[in-house]
Amino acid sequence: MDGPDSFWAKLGPAEKAAVVGISTVHNYEPNEFLVREGDPSRSVLVIRSGHVRVLTTDGDGRPLLLALRTAGDILGEVATLVDGPRTATLQALDAVEVLTMRGQHFAALCQTQPKFAWALLGILANRLRDGSFQGVAVSGGSSKRRVALLLLELAVRYGKPSGTDVELTAPGTQDELASTIGLSRETLARILRELRKSGVITTGRVHYTIHRMGELRRLAH
């Protein structure tokens, strides 16, 4: 269930067994909320399958996409470690299965399993470096990264494989898509032009073809 750079992939067999031993399995339907921003932090999640949107809201209450997490990723660790409220909303993009650890059990693993704590530290350092914490992503994350995240989400939700490409029809106008990632229509259009020129995508009025998914993933991290 792990991508090569995921939290789960960084754990050894003993650490994975320890996580499974203290976890329960939960399943979520597409668009179902796992947690909401501001909720008390009582658990930490590891995605077994599916994709999860990490969201916050802007000053007008509109949702903003911070990140897209997938199999092997850990969620909710920061709020649990500092015993604070949830710092973002988590929503299932497709069918999602997670391992759920109670906060105190997660803390005990951090304190007693050095390899577990080291893997977690590596993930936190990468997210800080990449600007994917709440607030950093909204105010300082690059516009190109936000567009890459948006295209990856659209590919998961609406995409259909076509050879080595992924084809999709966007569910809204460029104005609507831009607003979901806190950009102007003009900025979104400019970045789409750049991606077209570099051969990552081709676009029609509402039709997109993604030719280089690996490059999109690189831009999104």
C-alpha atoms as a PDB file:
ATOM      1  CA  MET A   1       0.000   0.000   0.000  1.00  0.00           C
ATOM      2  CA  ASP A   2       3.019   2.255  -0.014  1.00  0.00           C
ATOM      3  CA  GLY A   3       4.475   4.673  -2.524  1.00  0.00           C
ATOM      4  CA  PRO A   4       8.298   4.730  -2.529  1.00  0.00           C
ATOM      5  CA  ASP A   5       8.508   8.002  -0.575  1.00  0.00           C
ATOM      6  CA  SER A   6       5.548   7.473   1.734  1.00  0.00           C
ATOM      7  CA  PHE A   7       5.572   7.181   5.501  1.00  0.00           C
ATOM      8  CA  TRP A   8       4.642   3.494   5.298  1.00  0.00           C
ATOM      9  CA  ALA A   9       7.524   2.765   2.930  1.00  0.00           C
ATOM     10  CA  LYS A  10       9.975   4.216   5.443  1.00  0.00           C
ATOM     11  CA  LEU A  11       8.923   1.758   8.169  1.00  0.00           C
ATOM     12  CA  GLY A  12      10.526  -1.611   8.691  1.00  0.00           C
ATOM     13  CA  PRO A  13       8.582  -4.865   9.212  1.00  0.00           C
ATOM     14  CA  ALA A  14       8.591  -4.494  13.015  1.00  0.00           C
ATOM     15  CA  GLU A  15       7.273  -0.926  12.894  1.00  0.00           C
ATOM     16  CA  LYS A  16       4.584  -1.841  10.377  1.00  0.00           C
ATOM     17  CA  ALA A  17       3.472  -4.730  12.586  1.00  0.00           C
ATOM     18  CA  ALA A  18       3.336  -2.394  15.581  1.00  0.00           C
ATOM     19  CA  VAL A  19       1.116   0.073  13.691  1.00  0.00           C
ATOM     20  CA  VAL A  20      -1.240  -2.653  12.501  1.00  0.00           C
ATOM     21  CA  GLY A  21      -1.412  -4.068  16.014  1.00  0.00           C
ATOM     22  CA  ILE A  22      -2.741  -0.831  17.531  1.00  0.00           C
ATOM     23  CA  SER A  23      -4.936   0.255  14.617  1.00  0.00           C
ATOM     24  CA  THR A  24      -8.477  -0.278  13.463  1.00  0.00           C
ATOM     25  CA  VAL A  25      -9.493  -0.233   9.802  1.00  0.00           C
ATOM     26  CA  HIS A  26     -12.008   2.347   8.585  1.00  0.00           C
ATOM     27  CA  ASN A  27     -13.491   2.780   5.127  1.00  0.00           C
ATOM     28  CA  TYR A  28     -14.846   5.974   3.579  1.00  0.00           C
ATOM     29  CA  GLU A  29     -16.983   6.563   0.512  1.00  0.00           C
ATOM     30  CA  PRO A  30     -16.051   9.162  -2.139  1.00  0.00           C
ATOM     31  CA  ASN A  31     -16.588  12.727  -0.842  1.00  0.00           C
ATOM     32  CA  GLU A  32     -17.019  11.526   2.751  1.00  0.00           C
ATOM     33  CA  PHE A  33     -15.161  13.553   5.395  1.00  0.00           C
ATOM     34  CA  LEU A  34     -12.577  11.768   7.517  1.00  0.00           C
ATOM     35  CA  VAL A  35     -12.080  14.761   9.836  1.00  0.00           C
ATOM     36  CA  ARG A  36     -12.956  18.453   9.733  1.00  0.00           C
ATOM     37  CA  GLU A  37     -10.748  21.431  10.446  1.00  0.00           C
ATOM     38  CA  GLY A  38     -11.124  22.501  14.067  1.00  0.00           C
ATOM     39  CA  ASP A  39     -12.213  19.073  15.335  1.00  0.00           C
ATOM     40  CA  PRO A  40     -10.435  17.689  18.424  1.00  0.00           C
ATOM     41  CA  SER A  41      -7.429  15.528  17.558  1.00  0.00           C
ATOM     42  CA  ARG A  42      -7.941  12.015  18.845  1.00  0.00           C
ATOM     43  CA  SER A  43      -6.364   9.813  16.168  1.00  0.00           C
ATOM     44  CA  VAL A  44      -3.719   9.489  13.469  1.00  0.00           C
ATOM     45  CA  LEU A  45      -4.473   7.898  10.108  1.00  0.00           C
ATOM     46  CA  VAL A  46      -2.404   5.964   7.583  1.00  0.00           C
ATOM     47  CA  ILE A  47      -3.966   5.548   4.149  1.00  0.00           C
ATOM     48  CA  ARG A  48      -4.120   1.945   2.949  1.00  0.00           C
ATOM     49  CA  SER A  49      -5.809   2.693  -0.379  1.00  0.00           C
ATOM     50  CA  GLY A  50      -7.435   5.584  -2.186  1.00  0.00           C
ATOM     51  CA  HIS A  51      -6.804   9.325  -2.237  1.00  0.00           C
ATOM     52  CA  VAL A  52      -7.555  11.999   0.378  1.00  0.00           C
ATOM     53  CA  ARG A  53      -7.908  15.726  -0.208  1.00  0.00           C
ATOM     54  CA  VAL A  54      -6.393  18.030   2.432  1.00  0.00           C
ATOM     55  CA  LEU A  55      -8.494  21.203   2.529  1.00  0.00           C
ATOM     56  CA  THR A  56      -8.830  24.501   4.326  1.00  0.00           C
ATOM     57  CA  THR A  57     -11.030  27.536   3.643  1.00  0.00           C
ATOM     58  CA  ASP A  58     -10.237  31.067   2.534  1.00  0.00           C
ATOM     59  CA  GLY A  59     -11.557  34.239   4.126  1.00  0.00           C
ATOM     60  CA  ASP A  60     -14.839  33.881   2.251  1.00  0.00           C
ATOM     61  CA  GLY A  61     -15.375  30.301   3.398  1.00  0.00           C
ATOM     62  CA  ARG A  62     -14.465  28.729   0.051  1.00  0.00           C
ATOM     63  CA  PRO A  63     -12.530  25.453   0.126  1.00  0.00           C
ATOM     64  CA  LEU A  64      -8.858  25.566  -0.832  1.00  0.00           C
ATOM     65  CA  LEU A  65      -6.886  22.462  -1.789  1.00  0.00           C
ATOM     66  CA  LEU A  66      -3.674  22.104   0.233  1.00  0.00           C
ATOM     67  CA  ALA A  67      -2.520  18.640  -0.773  1.00  0.00           C
ATOM     68  CA  LEU A  68      -3.547  15.280  -2.150  1.00  0.00           C
ATOM     69  CA  ARG A  69      -2.497  12.249  -0.102  1.00  0.00           C
ATOM     70  CA  THR A  70      -2.432   8.650  -1.238  1.00  0.00           C
ATOM     71  CA  ALA A  71      -1.623   5.117  -0.085  1.00  0.00           C
ATOM     72  CA  GLY A  72       1.097   4.978   2.565  1.00  0.00           C
ATOM     73  CA  ASP A  73       0.728   8.602   3.651  1.00  0.00           C
ATOM     74  CA  ILE A  74       0.163   9.568   7.285  1.00  0.00           C
ATOM     75  CA  LEU A  75      -2.493  12.121   8.264  1.00  0.00           C
ATOM     76  CA  GLY A  76      -3.313  14.010  11.446  1.00  0.00           C
ATOM     77  CA  GLU A  77       0.059  13.553  13.084  1.00  0.00           C
ATOM     78  CA  VAL A  78       0.817  17.239  13.731  1.00  0.00           C
ATOM     79  CA  ALA A  79      -2.399  18.112  15.544  1.00  0.00           C
ATOM     80  CA  THR A  80      -2.115  14.936  17.613  1.00  0.00           C
ATOM     81  CA  LEU A  81       1.507  15.569  18.606  1.00  0.00           C
ATOM     82  CA  VAL A  82       0.740  19.105  19.809  1.00  0.00           C
ATOM     83  CA  ASP A  83      -2.638  18.112  21.291  1.00  0.00           C
ATOM     84  CA  GLY A  84      -4.402  20.795  19.268  1.00  0.00           C
ATOM     85  CA  PRO A  85      -7.430  20.932  16.979  1.00  0.00           C
ATOM     86  CA  ARG A  86      -7.337  19.587  13.449  1.00  0.00           C
ATOM     87  CA  THR A  87      -5.479  22.019  11.218  1.00  0.00           C
ATOM     88  CA  ALA A  88      -7.195  20.907   8.002  1.00  0.00           C
ATOM     89  CA  THR A  89     -10.201  19.029   6.660  1.00  0.00           C
ATOM     90  CA  LEU A  90      -9.667  15.572   5.175  1.00  0.00           C
ATOM     91  CA  GLN A  91     -12.083  14.391   2.478  1.00  0.00           C
ATOM     92  CA  ALA A  92     -12.077  11.121   0.547  1.00  0.00           C
ATOM     93  CA  LEU A  93     -11.603  11.714  -3.162  1.00  0.00           C
ATOM     94  CA  ASP A  94     -12.459   8.119  -4.069  1.00  0.00           C
ATOM     95  CA  ALA A  95     -13.036   4.979  -1.985  1.00  0.00           C
ATOM     96  CA  VAL A  96     -10.547   5.199   0.898  1.00  0.00           C
ATOM     97  CA  GLU A  97      -9.356   2.710   3.508  1.00  0.00           C
ATOM     98  CA  VAL A  98      -7.251   3.853   6.458  1.00  0.00           C
ATOM     99  CA  LEU A  99      -5.555   2.477   9.531  1.00  0.00           C
ATOM    100  CA  THR A 100      -6.632   4.551  12.550  1.00  0.00           C
ATOM    101  CA  MET A 101      -4.404   4.840  15.610  1.00  0.00           C
ATOM    102  CA  ARG A 102      -5.601   6.433  18.843  1.00  0.00           C
ATOM    103  CA  GLY A 103      -3.527   9.463  19.769  1.00  0.00           C
ATOM    104  CA  GLN A 104      -2.022   8.034  22.923  1.00  0.00           C
ATOM    105  CA  HIS A 105      -0.983   4.839  21.144  1.00  0.00           C
ATOM    106  CA  PHE A 106       0.627   6.874  18.360  1.00  0.00           C
ATOM    107  CA  ALA A 107       2.524   8.943  20.957  1.00  0.00           C
ATOM    108  CA  ALA A 108       3.729   5.755  22.669  1.00  0.00           C
ATOM    109  CA  LEU A 109       5.142   4.460  19.364  1.00  0.00           C
ATOM    110  CA  CYS A 110       6.988   7.743  18.848  1.00  0.00           C
ATOM    111  CA  GLN A 111       8.520   7.437  22.316  1.00  0.00           C
ATOM    112  CA  THR A 112       9.458   3.749  22.203  1.00  0.00           C
ATOM    113  CA  GLN A 113      10.215   2.984  18.528  1.00  0.00           C
ATOM    114  CA  PRO A 114      13.209   5.016  17.260  1.00  0.00           C
ATOM    115  CA  LYS A 115      12.776   3.903  13.623  1.00  0.00           C
ATOM    116  CA  PHE A 116       9.115   4.917  13.745  1.00  0.00           C
ATOM    117  CA  ALA A 117       9.987   8.352  15.147  1.00  0.00           C
ATOM    118  CA  TRP A 118      12.756   8.811  12.580  1.00  0.00           C
ATOM    119  CA  ALA A 119      10.424   7.966   9.691  1.00  0.00           C
ATOM    120  CA  LEU A 120       7.878  10.445  11.004  1.00  0.00           C
ATOM    121  CA  LEU A 121      10.550  13.134  11.365  1.00  0.00           C
ATOM    122  CA  GLY A 122      11.553  12.597   7.735  1.00  0.00           C
ATOM    123  CA  ILE A 123       7.977  13.059   6.541  1.00  0.00           C
ATOM    124  CA  LEU A 124       7.509  16.217   8.612  1.00  0.00           C
ATOM    125  CA  ALA A 125      10.781  17.657   7.313  1.00  0.00           C
ATOM    126  CA  ASN A 126       9.788  16.959   3.701  1.00  0.00           C
ATOM    127  CA  ARG A 127       6.388  18.591   4.149  1.00  0.00           C
ATOM    128  CA  LEU A 128       7.914  21.636   5.778  1.00  0.00           C
ATOM    129  CA  ARG A 129      10.478  21.924   3.000  1.00  0.00           C
ATOM    130  CA  ASP A 130       7.829  21.553   0.315  1.00  0.00           C
ATOM    131  CA  GLY A 131       5.552  24.122   1.912  1.00  0.00           C
ATOM    132  CA  SER A 132       2.634  21.745   2.281  1.00  0.00           C
ATOM    133  CA  PHE A 133       1.570  22.678   5.805  1.00  0.00           C
ATOM    134  CA  GLN A 134      -1.643  24.639   6.179  1.00  0.00           C
ATOM    135  CA  GLY A 135      -1.031  28.358   5.740  1.00  0.00           C
ATOM    136  CA  VAL A 136       2.283  27.834   3.962  1.00  0.00           C
ATOM    137  CA  ALA A 137       0.526  26.172   1.043  1.00  0.00           C
ATOM    138  CA  VAL A 138      -2.176  28.824   0.921  1.00  0.00           C
ATOM    139  CA  SER A 139      -0.038  31.919   1.331  1.00  0.00           C
ATOM    140  CA  GLY A 140       3.353  30.821   0.053  1.00  0.00           C
ATOM    141  CA  GLY A 141       2.976  27.616  -1.969  1.00  0.00           C
ATOM    142  CA  SER A 142       3.816  28.171  -5.616  1.00  0.00           C
ATOM    143  CA  SER A 143       1.002  28.683  -8.080  1.00  0.00           C
ATOM    144  CA  LYS A 144       2.395  25.920 -10.287  1.00  0.00           C
ATOM    145  CA  ARG A 145       2.297  23.469  -7.382  1.00  0.00           C
ATOM    146  CA  ARG A 146      -1.359  24.273  -6.738  1.00  0.00           C
ATOM    147  CA  VAL A 147      -2.229  23.753 -10.396  1.00  0.00           C
ATOM    148  CA  ALA A 148      -0.356  20.426 -10.412  1.00  0.00           C
ATOM    149  CA  LEU A 149      -2.341  19.333  -7.341  1.00  0.00           C
ATOM    150  CA  LEU A 150      -5.569  20.349  -9.040  1.00  0.00           C
ATOM    151  CA  LEU A 151      -4.761  18.409 -12.200  1.00  0.00           C
ATOM    152  CA  LEU A 152      -3.794  15.332 -10.186  1.00  0.00           C
ATOM    153  CA  GLU A 153      -7.103  15.489  -8.319  1.00  0.00           C
ATOM    154  CA  LEU A 154      -9.049  15.860 -11.559  1.00  0.00           C
ATOM    155  CA  ALA A 155      -7.140  12.908 -13.019  1.00  0.00           C
ATOM    156  CA  VAL A 156      -8.030  10.692 -10.051  1.00  0.00           C
ATOM    157  CA  ARG A 157     -11.673  11.759  -9.995  1.00  0.00           C
ATOM    158  CA  TYR A 158     -12.505  12.112 -13.691  1.00  0.00           C
ATOM    159  CA  GLY A 159      -9.587  10.718 -15.689  1.00  0.00           C
ATOM    160  CA  LYS A 160      -9.726   7.802 -18.115  1.00  0.00           C
ATOM    161  CA  PRO A 161      -6.538   6.058 -19.262  1.00  0.00           C
ATOM    162  CA  SER A 162      -5.762   6.357 -22.955  1.00  0.00           C
ATOM    163  CA  GLY A 163      -2.565   4.472 -23.651  1.00  0.00           C
ATOM    164  CA  THR A 164       0.074   6.197 -21.533  1.00  0.00           C
ATOM    165  CA  ASP A 165      -2.054   9.348 -21.233  1.00  0.00           C
ATOM    166  CA  VAL A 166      -4.961  10.295 -18.983  1.00  0.00           C
ATOM    167  CA  GLU A 167      -7.926  12.115 -20.528  1.00  0.00           C
ATOM    168  CA  LEU A 168     -10.549  14.046 -18.580  1.00  0.00           C
ATOM    169  CA  THR A 169     -13.304  16.596 -18.902  1.00  0.00           C
ATOM    170  CA  ALA A 170     -13.115  19.361 -16.292  1.00  0.00           C
ATOM    171  CA  PRO A 171     -16.169  19.675 -14.026  1.00  0.00           C
ATOM    172  CA  GLY A 172     -16.214  23.484 -14.129  1.00  0.00           C
ATOM    173  CA  THR A 173     -15.002  26.634 -15.827  1.00  0.00           C
ATOM    174  CA  GLN A 174     -11.462  27.967 -15.411  1.00  0.00           C
ATOM    175  CA  ASP A 175     -12.845  30.612 -13.038  1.00  0.00           C
ATOM    176  CA  GLU A 176     -14.367  27.879 -10.848  1.00  0.00           C
ATOM    177  CA  LEU A 177     -11.267  25.688 -10.965  1.00  0.00           C
ATOM    178  CA  ALA A 178      -8.978  28.617 -10.139  1.00  0.00           C
ATOM    179  CA  SER A 179     -11.062  29.556  -7.103  1.00  0.00           C
ATOM    180  CA  THR A 180     -10.655  26.086  -5.572  1.00  0.00           C
ATOM    181  CA  ILE A 181      -6.883  26.616  -5.327  1.00  0.00           C
ATOM    182  CA  GLY A 182      -6.896  30.321  -4.475  1.00  0.00           C
ATOM    183  CA  LEU A 183      -5.689  31.597  -7.846  1.00  0.00           C
ATOM    184  CA  SER A 184      -7.022  34.033 -10.411  1.00  0.00           C
ATOM    185  CA  ARG A 185      -8.265  32.762 -13.755  1.00  0.00           C
ATOM    186  CA  GLU A 186      -5.390  34.589 -15.452  1.00  0.00           C
ATOM    187  CA  THR A 187      -2.772  32.845 -13.311  1.00  0.00           C
ATOM    188  CA  LEU A 188      -4.341  29.448 -13.932  1.00  0.00           C
ATOM    189  CA  ALA A 189      -4.446  30.093 -17.681  1.00  0.00           C
ATOM    190  CA  ARG A 190      -0.794  31.165 -17.692  1.00  0.00           C
ATOM    191  CA  ILE A 191       0.387  28.038 -15.891  1.00  0.00           C
ATOM    192  CA  LEU A 192      -1.681  25.795 -18.146  1.00  0.00           C
ATOM    193  CA  ARG A 193       0.049  27.428 -21.121  1.00  0.00           C
ATOM    194  CA  GLU A 194       3.437  26.703 -19.553  1.00  0.00           C
ATOM    195  CA  LEU A 195       2.470  23.065 -18.987  1.00  0.00           C
ATOM    196  CA  ARG A 196       1.301  22.775 -22.576  1.00  0.00           C
ATOM    197  CA  LYS A 197       4.576  24.205 -23.884  1.00  0.00           C
ATOM    198  CA  SER A 198       6.575  21.707 -21.828  1.00  0.00           C
ATOM    199  CA  GLY A 199       4.487  18.797 -23.126  1.00  0.00           C
ATOM    200  CA  VAL A 200       2.953  17.880 -19.773  1.00  0.00           C
ATOM    201  CA  ILE A 201      -0.635  18.420 -20.953  1.00  0.00           C
ATOM    202  CA  THR A 202      -2.754  19.396 -23.920  1.00  0.00           C
ATOM    203  CA  THR A 203      -6.051  21.209 -23.417  1.00  0.00           C
ATOM    204  CA  GLY A 204      -9.274  22.029 -25.156  1.00  0.00           C
ATOM    205  CA  ARG A 205     -12.104  24.183 -23.869  1.00  0.00           C
ATOM    206  CA  VAL A 206     -12.913  21.836 -20.987  1.00  0.00           C
ATOM    207  CA  HIS A 207     -10.956  18.764 -22.088  1.00  0.00           C
ATOM    208  CA  TYR A 208      -7.521  17.956 -20.699  1.00  0.00           C
ATOM    209  CA  THR A 209      -5.048  15.261 -21.686  1.00  0.00           C
ATOM    210  CA  ILE A 210      -2.225  14.579 -19.245  1.00  0.00           C
ATOM    211  CA  HIS A 211       0.834  13.161 -20.986  1.00  0.00           C
ATOM    212  CA  ARG A 212       3.372  13.205 -18.142  1.00  0.00           C
ATOM    213  CA  MET A 213       1.798  12.210 -14.830  1.00  0.00           C
ATOM    214  CA  GLY A 214       5.236  11.767 -13.261  1.00  0.00           C
ATOM    215  CA  GLU A 215       6.107  15.393 -13.940  1.00  0.00           C
ATOM    216  CA  LEU A 216       2.816  16.546 -12.407  1.00  0.00           C
ATOM    217  CA  ARG A 217       3.571  14.529  -9.276  1.00  0.00           C
ATOM    218  CA  ARG A 218       7.026  16.099  -9.115  1.00  0.00           C
ATOM    219  CA  LEU A 219       5.577  19.603  -9.391  1.00  0.00           C
ATOM    220  CA  ALA A 220       2.980  18.811  -6.705  1.00  0.00           C
ATOM    221  CA  HIS A 221       5.607  17.884  -4.098  1.00  0.00           C
END
